[in-house]
């Protein structure tokens, strides 16, 4: 139990968190800025303001930080702050997010804010439970974010029935380049009904004012549109 985050590591190299339980914080769980860092095999839950925030590398010159987040269970990370507090804040150039279980968030579960990020083999569910105009994976308002690949993930039970502008599994918003999205499964990847009875504005994959990108070879089941 802490009034801040549990782990704060700045300007580190080869920093590894392995097999830890991080819970009951009053901020996020872990913040890391560095290179060749790994967070793996850990359970992160009951935090007030997000799960993991990771940054590093040189974005101006596209020099990879070579960071990895894998085999973690991250959930219920918004005890106090309810929006823009993802399970993973991905702000590292050259980041792999792999084999994680991410769930139970009223808003976003992964926020993308840098280049050359691979998101693969994750189970992502129960996201965007209390909001609209949002995605379980979200990126927006920065068309220089390039090199994002989202592949081999299982999205399910995303969204709510409150209506509004919609709830998505993946949302590229406000001018961003659409990631390369392929080989994913979306089962109930957006809301299937709305309390208003009006047509749904929700989609498993949504682009708003976005450009370029490639979406192929995905399986979409039980989607309203």
Protein backbone atom coordinates (compact mmCIF):
# COMPACT_ATOMS: atom_id res chain seq x y z
CA UNK A 1 0.00 0.00 0.00
CA UNK A 2 1.44 3.35 -1.03
CA UNK A 3 0.34 6.91 -1.69
CA UNK A 4 2.32 6.93 -4.94
CA UNK A 5 3.44 4.34 -7.51
CA UNK A 6 5.33 1.25 -6.39
CA UNK A 7 8.25 1.32 -8.86
CA UNK A 8 9.73 4.38 -10.56
CA UNK A 9 12.86 3.72 -12.65
CA UNK A 10 14.36 6.55 -14.72
CA UNK A 11 17.22 6.38 -17.24
CA UNK A 12 17.85 2.68 -16.65
CA UNK A 13 19.24 -0.08 -18.88
CA UNK A 14 18.61 -3.83 -18.63
CA UNK A 15 16.08 -3.25 -15.86
CA UNK A 16 13.90 -6.32 -15.27
CA UNK A 17 10.72 -6.79 -13.23
CA UNK A 18 9.87 -10.49 -13.10
CA UNK A 19 7.22 -12.37 -11.13
CA UNK A 20 5.99 -9.45 -9.01
CA UNK A 21 2.58 -8.57 -7.64
CA UNK A 22 2.01 -4.81 -7.64
CA UNK A 23 -1.28 -3.62 -6.14
CA UNK A 24 -3.04 -1.12 -3.86
CA UNK A 25 -1.22 1.98 -5.07
CA UNK A 26 -2.54 5.53 -5.12
CA UNK A 27 -0.99 6.33 -8.49
CA UNK A 28 -0.05 3.87 -11.24
CA UNK A 29 1.93 0.68 -10.56
CA UNK A 30 5.17 1.05 -12.54
CA UNK A 31 6.83 3.85 -14.49
CA UNK A 32 10.00 3.08 -16.45
CA UNK A 33 12.11 5.22 -18.75
CA UNK A 34 14.99 3.28 -20.24
CA UNK A 35 16.36 0.75 -22.69
CA UNK A 36 16.40 -3.05 -22.82
CA UNK A 37 13.86 -3.18 -20.01
CA UNK A 38 11.47 -6.09 -19.40
CA UNK A 39 8.32 -6.35 -17.31
CA UNK A 40 7.12 -9.96 -17.26
CA UNK A 41 5.21 -12.64 -15.36
CA UNK A 42 3.64 -10.10 -13.01
CA UNK A 43 0.18 -9.36 -11.64
CA UNK A 44 -0.83 -5.69 -11.50
CA UNK A 45 -4.21 -4.63 -10.11
CA UNK A 46 -6.09 -2.27 -7.79
CA UNK A 47 -4.19 0.86 -8.74
CA UNK A 48 -5.60 4.37 -8.72
CA UNK A 49 -4.19 5.80 -11.95
CA UNK A 50 -3.15 3.21 -14.51
CA UNK A 51 -0.88 0.18 -14.68
CA UNK A 52 2.46 0.39 -16.52
CA UNK A 53 3.85 3.52 -18.18
CA UNK A 54 6.95 2.86 -20.26
CA UNK A 55 9.05 5.18 -22.40
CA UNK A 56 12.51 5.22 -23.92
CA UNK A 57 14.49 5.33 -27.14
CA UNK A 58 15.00 8.26 -29.47
CA UNK A 59 11.81 9.02 -31.36
CA UNK A 60 13.28 11.83 -33.47
CA UNK A 61 15.88 9.43 -34.88
CA UNK A 62 13.80 6.23 -34.51
CA UNK A 63 16.36 4.54 -32.26
CA UNK A 64 14.69 1.62 -30.52
CA UNK A 65 14.63 1.25 -26.75
CA UNK A 66 14.14 -2.51 -27.17
CA UNK A 67 11.68 -2.73 -24.28
CA UNK A 68 9.29 -5.64 -23.65
CA UNK A 69 6.10 -6.14 -21.63
CA UNK A 70 5.07 -9.81 -21.63
CA UNK A 71 3.15 -12.50 -19.77
CA UNK A 72 1.48 -10.13 -17.32
CA UNK A 73 -2.04 -9.95 -15.92
CA UNK A 74 -3.11 -6.30 -15.61
CA UNK A 75 -6.61 -5.24 -14.55
CA UNK A 76 -8.70 -2.88 -12.42
CA UNK A 77 -6.30 0.05 -12.69
CA UNK A 78 -8.68 3.00 -12.27
CA UNK A 79 -9.76 3.05 -8.64
CA UNK A 80 -9.72 6.87 -8.51
CA UNK A 81 -9.01 8.24 -12.01
CA UNK A 82 -11.46 6.80 -14.54
CA UNK A 83 -10.30 8.03 -17.97
CA UNK A 84 -7.00 7.99 -19.89
CA UNK A 85 -5.43 5.62 -17.35
CA UNK A 86 -4.52 2.56 -19.42
CA UNK A 87 -3.24 -0.78 -18.23
CA UNK A 88 -0.25 -0.05 -20.50
CA UNK A 89 0.87 3.41 -21.57
CA UNK A 90 3.10 2.61 -24.55
CA UNK A 91 5.39 5.61 -25.08
CA UNK A 92 8.60 3.73 -25.87
CA UNK A 93 10.11 3.61 -29.36
CA UNK A 94 10.64 -0.05 -30.15
CA UNK A 95 8.31 -1.84 -27.72
CA UNK A 96 6.81 -5.34 -27.76
CA UNK A 97 3.59 -5.97 -25.80
CA UNK A 98 3.10 -9.74 -25.86
CA UNK A 99 1.06 -12.49 -24.15
CA UNK A 100 -0.63 -10.25 -21.59
CA UNK A 101 -4.14 -10.47 -20.16
CA UNK A 102 -5.61 -6.97 -19.99
CA UNK A 103 -9.13 -6.30 -18.70
CA UNK A 104 -11.59 -4.31 -16.58
CA UNK A 105 -11.17 -0.68 -17.49
CA UNK A 106 -13.89 1.96 -17.92
CA UNK A 107 -11.80 3.60 -20.66
CA UNK A 108 -8.69 2.51 -22.65
CA UNK A 109 -6.50 -0.53 -21.94
CA UNK A 110 -3.50 0.32 -24.17
CA UNK A 111 -2.58 3.90 -25.09
CA UNK A 112 -0.14 4.17 -28.00
CA UNK A 113 2.08 7.25 -28.03
CA UNK A 114 5.26 6.34 -29.87
CA UNK A 115 6.67 4.55 -32.91
CA UNK A 116 7.58 0.97 -33.82
CA UNK A 117 5.36 -0.91 -31.38
CA UNK A 118 4.20 -4.51 -31.79
CA UNK A 119 1.12 -5.70 -29.89
CA UNK A 120 0.70 -9.48 -30.21
CA UNK A 121 -0.83 -12.58 -28.61
CA UNK A 122 -2.71 -10.65 -25.92
CA UNK A 123 -6.19 -11.29 -24.54
CA UNK A 124 -7.94 -7.93 -24.25
CA UNK A 125 -11.46 -7.70 -22.84
CA UNK A 126 -13.88 -5.75 -20.65
CA UNK A 127 -12.55 -2.44 -21.92
CA UNK A 128 -14.37 0.86 -22.51
CA UNK A 129 -16.95 -0.23 -19.95
CA UNK A 130 -18.13 3.22 -18.86
CA UNK A 131 -17.30 5.60 -21.72
CA UNK A 132 -17.74 6.31 -25.42
CA UNK A 133 -15.58 7.69 -28.25
CA UNK A 134 -12.78 5.38 -27.13
CA UNK A 135 -11.06 2.09 -27.94
CA UNK A 136 -9.51 -0.66 -25.84
CA UNK A 137 -6.41 0.19 -27.89
CA UNK A 138 -6.31 3.90 -28.70
CA UNK A 139 -4.08 6.31 -30.60
CA UNK A 140 -4.96 9.81 -31.73
CA UNK A 141 -3.93 13.30 -32.78
CA UNK A 142 -0.37 12.51 -33.89
CA UNK A 143 0.08 11.42 -37.53
CA UNK A 144 3.81 10.89 -36.95
CA UNK A 145 3.12 7.73 -34.93
CA UNK A 146 4.17 5.06 -37.44
CA UNK A 147 5.31 1.45 -37.41
CA UNK A 148 2.49 0.10 -35.23
CA UNK A 149 1.50 -3.54 -35.79
CA UNK A 150 -1.39 -5.22 -33.97
CA UNK A 151 -1.50 -8.96 -34.64
CA UNK A 152 -2.64 -12.33 -33.23
CA UNK A 153 -4.67 -10.83 -30.37
CA UNK A 154 -8.04 -11.95 -28.99
CA UNK A 155 -10.44 -9.08 -28.31
CA UNK A 156 -13.79 -9.80 -26.69
CA UNK A 157 -16.59 -8.15 -24.74
CA UNK A 158 -15.57 -4.56 -25.41
CA UNK A 159 -17.88 -1.62 -24.76
CA UNK A 160 -21.19 -0.87 -23.08
CA UNK A 161 -24.80 -0.05 -23.92
CA UNK A 162 -24.76 3.63 -22.94
CA UNK A 163 -24.68 4.77 -26.55
CA UNK A 164 -22.77 7.91 -27.49
CA UNK A 165 -20.12 8.02 -30.20
CA UNK A 166 -19.16 4.38 -29.81
CA UNK A 167 -16.83 1.91 -28.16
CA UNK A 168 -14.19 0.05 -30.15
CA UNK A 169 -11.54 -2.64 -29.75
CA UNK A 170 -9.05 -0.57 -31.80
CA UNK A 171 -9.55 3.13 -32.46
CA UNK A 172 -7.28 5.31 -34.63
CA UNK A 173 -8.53 8.84 -34.05
CA UNK A 174 -8.12 12.41 -35.26
CA UNK A 175 -5.64 12.07 -38.10
CA UNK A 176 -3.47 9.19 -36.93
CA UNK A 177 -2.14 6.64 -39.39
CA UNK A 178 -4.08 3.39 -39.01
CA UNK A 179 -1.82 0.59 -37.67
CA UNK A 180 -1.17 -2.59 -39.59
CA UNK A 181 -3.95 -4.70 -38.08
CA UNK A 182 -4.01 -8.37 -39.05
CA UNK A 183 -4.68 -11.90 -37.82
CA UNK A 184 -6.73 -10.87 -34.79
CA UNK A 185 -10.01 -12.28 -33.48
CA UNK A 186 -12.78 -9.89 -32.46
CA UNK A 187 -15.66 -11.59 -30.62
CA UNK A 188 -18.18 -9.02 -29.41
CA UNK A 189 -15.41 -6.54 -30.09
CA UNK A 190 -17.79 -3.60 -29.78
CA UNK A 191 -21.21 -3.00 -28.28
CA UNK A 192 -23.95 -5.07 -29.88
CA UNK A 193 -26.94 -3.06 -28.58
CA UNK A 194 -27.68 0.43 -27.33
CA UNK A 195 -30.15 1.46 -24.67
CA UNK A 196 -31.47 4.16 -27.00
CA UNK A 197 -32.51 1.60 -29.58
CA UNK A 198 -30.73 3.65 -32.25
CA UNK A 199 -28.16 2.15 -34.65
CA UNK A 200 -24.81 1.52 -33.03
CA UNK A 201 -21.84 3.84 -33.64
CA UNK A 202 -19.48 1.14 -32.37
CA UNK A 203 -17.13 -0.96 -34.47
CA UNK A 204 -14.41 -3.50 -33.61
CA UNK A 205 -12.00 -1.35 -35.66
CA UNK A 206 -12.66 2.34 -36.19
CA UNK A 207 -10.74 5.13 -37.91
CA UNK A 208 -11.79 8.76 -37.53
CA UNK A 209 -10.09 11.26 -39.83
CA UNK A 210 -7.28 8.75 -40.19
CA UNK A 211 -5.15 7.86 -43.17
CA UNK A 212 -3.16 5.08 -44.82
CA UNK A 213 -2.95 1.82 -42.86
CA UNK A 214 -3.77 -1.78 -43.72
CA UNK A 215 -6.37 -4.08 -42.14
CA UNK A 216 -6.46 -7.70 -43.33
CA UNK A 217 -7.09 -11.32 -42.34
CA UNK A 218 -9.00 -10.64 -39.11
CA UNK A 219 -11.99 -12.62 -37.82
CA UNK A 220 -14.91 -10.51 -36.61
CA UNK A 221 -17.83 -12.20 -34.83
CA UNK A 222 -21.03 -10.71 -33.41
CA UNK A 223 -20.47 -7.08 -34.37
CA UNK A 224 -23.30 -4.55 -34.68
CA UNK A 225 -21.93 -3.09 -37.92
